[in-house]
């Protein structure tokens, strides 16, 4: 998990935090690789982790690690009987989302009527969006931030690893050498939406002249709003426009 966002869930034991983010990352990785059914199964794992967190929070005693309740639906319904002093999201809204997510995990993918439409992709989209909503809501409740801020945090926590990026000995290499220095920079930033330091970018793409790289790549891309370049902190962060550029012109 990105250390920048560890504090967002600091009241949850680290083992549960790690399981939560890993299960979300698994959902996203499988979705991006078109492995719809594994994505749904990993959605079930996320349900188990989130339920363990909610139950631990309500009982003021977190488990050492996540476990699967004997009956997920009944277990989620039991959370609705928690004292009203707990946030409604903890008692009702997240548990009901978990019930829907677990239903897709258990009772979709077999016995579909008619063979014209394969629902796996549709189901996986639902699993992905519910999973991200649930994690965002946990962050919002536990850290006391707005829905928009929580959503941005989840986007940054999410694993956006790309097959274009090879990580070796603490460095990241863009494997398509035909890309321009700008495109390599944007690919690296797309894979790390919380931002990358200027020196790390220069090292990763092996640009020979930092001042020219700063002038011709970072500052020009900043002016085009492809990225945000903080000159004082020397950190670059991809913008929504930059992300769309990568998806449309490089990943596509």
Protein backbone atom coordinates (compact mmCIF):
# COMPACT_ATOMS: atom_id res chain seq x y z
CA UNK A 1 0.00 0.00 0.00
CA UNK A 2 1.22 3.49 -0.77
CA UNK A 3 2.70 4.98 2.40
CA UNK A 4 1.21 8.34 1.44
CA UNK A 5 -2.27 6.97 2.13
CA UNK A 6 -1.59 4.62 5.05
CA UNK A 7 -2.90 7.27 7.44
CA UNK A 8 -6.31 7.20 5.76
CA UNK A 9 -6.98 3.81 7.37
CA UNK A 10 -4.62 4.07 10.31
CA UNK A 11 -7.33 3.07 12.81
CA UNK A 12 -7.59 -0.32 11.10
CA UNK A 13 -4.87 -2.93 11.88
CA UNK A 14 -2.20 -3.14 9.21
CA UNK A 15 -2.94 -6.77 8.33
CA UNK A 16 -6.54 -5.87 7.51
CA UNK A 17 -5.47 -2.74 5.62
CA UNK A 18 -3.09 -4.82 3.51
CA UNK A 19 -5.75 -7.44 2.80
CA UNK A 20 -8.25 -4.74 1.87
CA UNK A 21 -6.01 -2.99 -0.64
CA UNK A 22 -4.67 -6.24 -2.07
CA UNK A 23 -8.18 -7.57 -2.67
CA UNK A 24 -9.16 -4.30 -4.39
CA UNK A 25 -6.00 -4.43 -6.49
CA UNK A 26 -6.79 -8.00 -7.50
CA UNK A 27 -10.25 -6.97 -8.68
CA UNK A 28 -8.76 -4.16 -10.76
CA UNK A 29 -5.92 -6.25 -12.20
CA UNK A 30 -8.26 -9.02 -13.32
CA UNK A 31 -10.71 -6.49 -14.75
CA UNK A 32 -7.99 -4.79 -16.82
CA UNK A 33 -6.80 -8.16 -18.10
CA UNK A 34 -10.35 -9.14 -19.18
CA UNK A 35 -10.46 -11.98 -16.68
CA UNK A 36 -14.05 -11.33 -15.71
CA UNK A 37 -14.81 -14.37 -13.59
CA UNK A 38 -11.66 -14.15 -11.39
CA UNK A 39 -12.56 -10.49 -10.89
CA UNK A 40 -15.89 -11.56 -9.45
CA UNK A 41 -14.24 -14.13 -7.18
CA UNK A 42 -11.84 -11.52 -5.84
CA UNK A 43 -14.87 -9.36 -5.16
CA UNK A 44 -15.94 -12.09 -2.76
CA UNK A 45 -12.60 -11.87 -0.96
CA UNK A 46 -13.02 -8.12 -0.62
CA UNK A 47 -16.45 -8.73 0.96
CA UNK A 48 -14.88 -10.94 3.60
CA UNK A 49 -12.20 -8.37 4.44
CA UNK A 50 -14.66 -5.48 4.64
CA UNK A 51 -17.10 -7.48 6.76
CA UNK A 52 -14.26 -8.33 9.19
CA UNK A 53 -13.39 -4.63 9.43
CA UNK A 54 -17.00 -3.57 10.04
CA UNK A 55 -17.57 -6.27 12.64
CA UNK A 56 -14.32 -5.41 14.41
CA UNK A 57 -15.22 -1.73 14.44
CA UNK A 58 -18.70 -2.33 15.87
CA UNK A 59 -17.39 -4.75 18.50
CA UNK A 60 -14.33 -2.59 19.25
CA UNK A 61 -12.09 -5.60 18.67
CA UNK A 62 -10.51 -6.07 15.25
CA UNK A 63 -9.46 -9.61 14.25
CA UNK A 64 -5.85 -10.30 13.36
CA UNK A 65 -6.90 -11.10 9.80
CA UNK A 66 -10.05 -11.36 7.72
CA UNK A 67 -12.26 -14.44 7.91
CA UNK A 68 -15.32 -15.66 6.06
CA UNK A 69 -18.58 -15.69 8.05
CA UNK A 70 -20.68 -18.85 7.89
CA UNK A 71 -23.42 -16.94 6.07
CA UNK A 72 -22.46 -13.61 4.53
CA UNK A 73 -26.05 -12.41 4.05
CA UNK A 74 -27.06 -13.13 7.65
CA UNK A 75 -23.80 -11.67 8.94
CA UNK A 76 -24.39 -8.42 7.05
CA UNK A 77 -27.98 -8.26 8.28
CA UNK A 78 -26.74 -8.60 11.84
CA UNK A 79 -24.70 -5.43 11.40
CA UNK A 80 -27.95 -3.56 10.77
CA UNK A 81 -28.86 -4.26 14.37
CA UNK A 82 -25.82 -2.39 15.64
CA UNK A 83 -26.45 0.63 17.91
CA UNK A 84 -27.58 3.71 16.03
CA UNK A 85 -24.60 5.58 17.45
CA UNK A 86 -22.54 3.99 14.67
CA UNK A 87 -22.67 5.71 11.26
CA UNK A 88 -25.46 4.53 8.99
CA UNK A 89 -22.87 3.69 6.39
CA UNK A 90 -21.25 1.18 8.76
CA UNK A 91 -24.55 -0.36 9.88
CA UNK A 92 -26.59 -0.43 6.69
CA UNK A 93 -25.16 1.00 3.49
CA UNK A 94 -21.84 -0.84 3.24
CA UNK A 95 -23.31 -4.16 4.51
CA UNK A 96 -26.05 -4.01 1.87
CA UNK A 97 -23.45 -3.34 -0.82
CA UNK A 98 -21.50 -6.36 0.42
CA UNK A 99 -24.63 -8.50 0.15
CA UNK A 100 -25.07 -7.45 -3.50
CA UNK A 101 -21.39 -8.01 -4.24
CA UNK A 102 -21.42 -11.45 -2.65
CA UNK A 103 -24.55 -12.39 -4.61
CA UNK A 104 -22.76 -11.65 -7.87
CA UNK A 105 -19.75 -13.64 -6.69
CA UNK A 106 -21.82 -16.71 -5.77
CA UNK A 107 -24.79 -16.81 -8.10
CA UNK A 108 -23.71 -15.37 -11.42
CA UNK A 109 -21.60 -17.00 -14.13
CA UNK A 110 -23.54 -20.29 -14.24
CA UNK A 111 -27.00 -21.19 -15.46
CA UNK A 112 -27.58 -18.01 -17.49
CA UNK A 113 -30.71 -18.17 -19.60
CA UNK A 114 -29.99 -17.81 -23.30
CA UNK A 115 -26.58 -17.74 -24.93
CA UNK A 116 -26.76 -14.47 -26.80
CA UNK A 117 -25.13 -12.26 -24.18
CA UNK A 118 -22.31 -13.21 -21.85
CA UNK A 119 -22.98 -11.31 -18.61
CA UNK A 120 -19.47 -11.76 -17.21
CA UNK A 121 -18.19 -8.38 -18.41
CA UNK A 122 -21.30 -6.61 -17.16
CA UNK A 123 -20.98 -8.35 -13.80
CA UNK A 124 -17.28 -7.51 -13.55
CA UNK A 125 -18.00 -3.81 -14.14
CA UNK A 126 -20.51 -3.94 -11.29
CA UNK A 127 -18.02 -5.76 -9.04
CA UNK A 128 -15.30 -3.21 -9.77
CA UNK A 129 -17.46 -0.15 -9.12
CA UNK A 130 -19.04 -1.54 -5.95
CA UNK A 131 -15.60 -2.55 -4.66
CA UNK A 132 -14.22 0.94 -5.22
CA UNK A 133 -17.29 2.54 -3.64
CA UNK A 134 -17.01 0.35 -0.55
CA UNK A 135 -13.32 1.14 -0.02
CA UNK A 136 -13.97 4.85 -0.66
CA UNK A 137 -16.74 4.81 1.90
CA UNK A 138 -14.50 3.13 4.49
CA UNK A 139 -11.89 5.83 3.96
CA UNK A 140 -14.53 8.56 4.17
CA UNK A 141 -15.95 7.23 7.45
CA UNK A 142 -12.70 6.32 9.17
CA UNK A 143 -10.79 9.42 8.13
CA UNK A 144 -13.59 12.00 8.19
CA UNK A 145 -13.08 13.37 4.69
CA UNK A 146 -15.47 14.21 1.86
CA UNK A 147 -16.79 11.67 -0.62
CA UNK A 148 -14.81 13.33 -3.42
CA UNK A 149 -11.57 13.22 -1.44
CA UNK A 150 -12.16 9.57 -0.52
CA UNK A 151 -12.78 8.69 -4.17
CA UNK A 152 -9.52 10.38 -5.19
CA UNK A 153 -7.69 8.47 -2.46
CA UNK A 154 -9.00 5.16 -3.77
CA UNK A 155 -7.89 6.05 -7.29
CA UNK A 156 -4.41 6.64 -5.91
CA UNK A 157 -4.48 3.50 -3.76
CA UNK A 158 -5.62 1.40 -6.69
CA UNK A 159 -3.01 -0.67 -8.43
CA UNK A 160 -2.48 0.82 -11.87
CA UNK A 161 0.48 -1.35 -12.84
CA UNK A 162 0.95 -1.59 -16.61
CA UNK A 163 2.55 -4.26 -18.73
CA UNK A 164 4.46 -1.38 -20.35
CA UNK A 165 6.31 -0.80 -17.07
CA UNK A 166 9.04 -3.13 -15.85
CA UNK A 167 10.21 -2.64 -12.29
CA UNK A 168 13.76 -3.77 -11.66
CA UNK A 169 16.19 -2.98 -8.83
CA UNK A 170 14.09 -0.13 -7.53
CA UNK A 171 13.71 1.48 -10.96
CA UNK A 172 10.82 1.59 -13.42
CA UNK A 173 11.51 1.07 -17.12
CA UNK A 174 9.10 1.76 -19.97
CA UNK A 175 9.44 -1.25 -22.27
CA UNK A 176 8.32 0.45 -25.49
CA UNK A 177 11.43 2.26 -26.71
CA UNK A 178 9.57 3.78 -29.65
CA UNK A 179 7.69 6.13 -27.31
CA UNK A 180 8.81 9.73 -27.01
CA UNK A 181 10.27 11.05 -23.76
CA UNK A 182 6.95 12.77 -23.09
CA UNK A 183 4.96 9.59 -23.64
CA UNK A 184 7.32 7.57 -21.43
CA UNK A 185 6.92 10.20 -18.74
CA UNK A 186 3.13 10.08 -18.94
CA UNK A 187 3.10 6.26 -18.86
CA UNK A 188 5.17 6.28 -15.67
CA UNK A 189 2.93 8.91 -14.09
CA UNK A 190 -0.19 6.99 -15.16
CA UNK A 191 1.15 4.00 -13.26
CA UNK A 192 1.76 6.14 -10.14
CA UNK A 193 -1.16 8.58 -9.87
CA UNK A 194 0.07 9.99 -6.55
CA UNK A 195 3.03 11.53 -8.40
CA UNK A 196 6.73 10.88 -9.06
CA UNK A 197 9.76 12.98 -8.24
CA UNK A 198 11.62 14.67 -11.08
CA UNK A 199 14.89 12.87 -10.32
CA UNK A 200 13.15 9.47 -10.38
CA UNK A 201 11.54 10.25 -13.72
CA UNK A 202 14.87 11.28 -15.23
CA UNK A 203 16.52 8.14 -13.93
CA UNK A 204 13.72 5.88 -15.12
CA UNK A 205 13.62 7.15 -18.70
CA UNK A 206 17.40 7.82 -18.74
CA UNK A 207 17.19 11.36 -20.02
CA UNK A 208 20.69 12.78 -20.42
CA UNK A 209 20.04 16.40 -19.41
CA UNK A 210 17.85 17.29 -16.39
CA UNK A 211 17.49 20.97 -17.29
CA UNK A 212 16.40 20.20 -20.85
CA UNK A 213 14.01 17.50 -19.59
CA UNK A 214 12.53 19.95 -17.13
CA UNK A 215 12.16 22.65 -19.80
CA UNK A 216 11.01 20.59 -22.78
CA UNK A 217 9.01 17.83 -21.13
CA UNK A 218 7.75 18.74 -17.67
CA UNK A 219 7.08 22.45 -18.14
CA UNK A 220 5.54 22.06 -21.61
CA UNK A 221 3.34 19.17 -20.47
CA UNK A 222 2.36 21.25 -17.46
CA UNK A 223 1.31 24.14 -19.71
CA UNK A 224 -0.80 21.71 -21.77
CA UNK A 225 -2.39 20.41 -18.54
CA UNK A 226 -1.21 16.87 -19.21
CA UNK A 227 0.42 16.90 -15.81
CA UNK A 228 0.92 19.12 -12.79
CA UNK A 229 4.56 20.00 -12.19
CA UNK A 230 5.40 21.35 -8.75
CA UNK A 231 8.68 23.15 -9.40
CA UNK A 232 9.44 23.75 -5.72
CA UNK A 233 8.84 20.14 -4.65
CA UNK A 234 10.09 18.81 -8.01
CA UNK A 235 7.18 16.38 -8.28
CA UNK A 236 5.04 15.65 -11.34
CA UNK A 237 1.49 14.28 -11.14
CA UNK A 238 -0.59 13.18 -14.11
CA UNK A 239 -3.83 15.08 -14.75
CA UNK A 240 -7.17 13.62 -15.86
CA UNK A 241 -6.36 14.97 -19.33
CA UNK A 242 -3.00 13.19 -19.23
CA UNK A 243 -4.63 9.93 -18.14
CA UNK A 244 -7.09 10.12 -21.03
CA UNK A 245 -4.18 10.80 -23.41
CA UNK A 246 -2.35 7.67 -22.20
CA UNK A 247 -5.47 5.50 -22.48
CA UNK A 248 -6.40 6.78 -25.94
CA UNK A 249 -2.98 7.10 -27.57
CA UNK A 250 -0.68 4.60 -25.86
CA UNK A 251 -2.61 1.85 -24.10
CA UNK A 252 -5.21 1.57 -26.85
